[in-house]
Amino acid sequence: MLTREQTLVLAAAVALVVVLVAVSTATSLQHSAGKAEPMATPSRWRSSPTPTPSPTPAPTPTPDDSWIQAWRTDLDPNARNPPWIYTDGDTLVVYERKGRSEPDRMRGYSLAGGRPTETWSISPGEALRGLTSSAVVTTHSLIDPKTGEAAPAPWNGTPELVTDNFIITCENHQWPRCSGWDLDDGAASLRWGPVDLPAAYNLTLNPSAMTGDTSTGHVLATFTVPDTNQEQAVFISLADGSVGNVRPTNRDAGIIPAADGWIDLFPDRERATALAPDGTETDSYAVSRSTSSLLLTDSGAPSREQYKRAFTTADTSWASIALTCGLNGQQSTGRGCRLNGVGPVADADRETKTLPAYESGFTPTMGQRYLILSYASDTRPKYVRIIDLQEHRVIPREDPLYGQEAYVTVVSADLLIAVDGSDLVAYTPSG
């Protein structure tokens, strides 16, 4: 019969043995696991046509996550410059600019399966100028976006405007001579030109600064006048290349496209002039209401008359989207944003600002559920804000989807692709 003291000693000894066995077993398991699962090493672009996903899994969405990471793949961490990203439908083209010692690389991907699958890779030897549904447009080549097969382009100049079915090329940057080309099934044919433009430096044709369609519309070209360094704008007919009126322009305000022409805002934003598609003045009026609201109709940009009603009487009853943040594009503390007359828009920060569509690089993309605002910036890469039209708030609520230094491409109202460090990351709505 054991005494009380002997019983306590025996129990303690048994407990000690159990602990030692457990520690030994855990150590053995850790050692075995370490042999079976070696630490992964960072990967770079593979020669295989299917890119390798990052070992970091996408975070598990929560009920508050309206947008989530859809996929992530590696970029070349040694590239000296951020790549250019172009998308059209299910086609993604990544143009990696390597620097002087190594040739640039262009890669084509299919997004048809929901993730990027590399379909071709080439070193084009010339700059990428645009992507359409039927061609990757470089300085002097047209490349099949499905196969990467290149064919020589019929022009001698440089593509300055690339749309899905029409291209404008220009040569001689000081005395530009431009031509218009129809693009059909990856082949280009001359529509008009060459046409002489006014003497110019820094000629820029922006595909967002267009009114009408590519058959009968006009595009706004901005340029710097030699000797005076004055900035001016000229209106070019897409139908025949005829050059319309020339007007001075400025960086503080600008000429914005309307559905049937243009609106020229004075630098003080106290007057506005309505212009026909060729730049002819049709009306001029004093502005008594805000000119910094984003106004959209179901078909896109408002008409000249609709802009006038908004700028003179604050009548936006015709608009499907009327978004105003702060005063004259500068958000004030406590003022917030108002969407279609209702405010505030929850979680809008000081960088959620509004301007008329396409002024100063401000570009809206509207879908059924989300409105995406894309901002140009002189101090950092272009950034975006996403507004949930149903919830009446800016999302995500907490951490941003990507870092402040990310280069973001708005593919559509339900797909963003960001170059974030050495990764290419896609974000989509969680639903």
Foldseek 3Di string as FASTA:
>chain_A
DDDPVVVVVVVVVVVVVVVVVVVVVVVVVVVVVCVVDPDDDDDEADPAQAFDFDPDDWDDDDPLFQKTFQTKGFYHLQAPDAWDWADDVQKIKTWGHRDDPDAIKIWIFGCVVVDTGTQDMDRPVFAFDHDAPQFGDTQFWTAGNRHRDIDGAPDDFGFQDDDRFKTKGWDDQQWIFIFIWGADNRHTDTQETRDTDPGFHPKHWDPQQWEDDLQFTWTKIWGAHPPVRFIKIWIATSNYGDIADIGGADQQWGWHDANADIWGADSVSQKIFTAGRRRHTDDIDGFDAAQFWEFAAPVGGHHPVQSVCCRHPVDRVRTPWTKAACGNFFHDVPPAMAIPNDDDQPPDDRNPTTHYAPIQNWHWADDPFKIKTWHPDPPAAIDIWIGGPVSSHIDDNDDDNADRRWHWDPPHRAWIWICGNRMIIIMGGPD
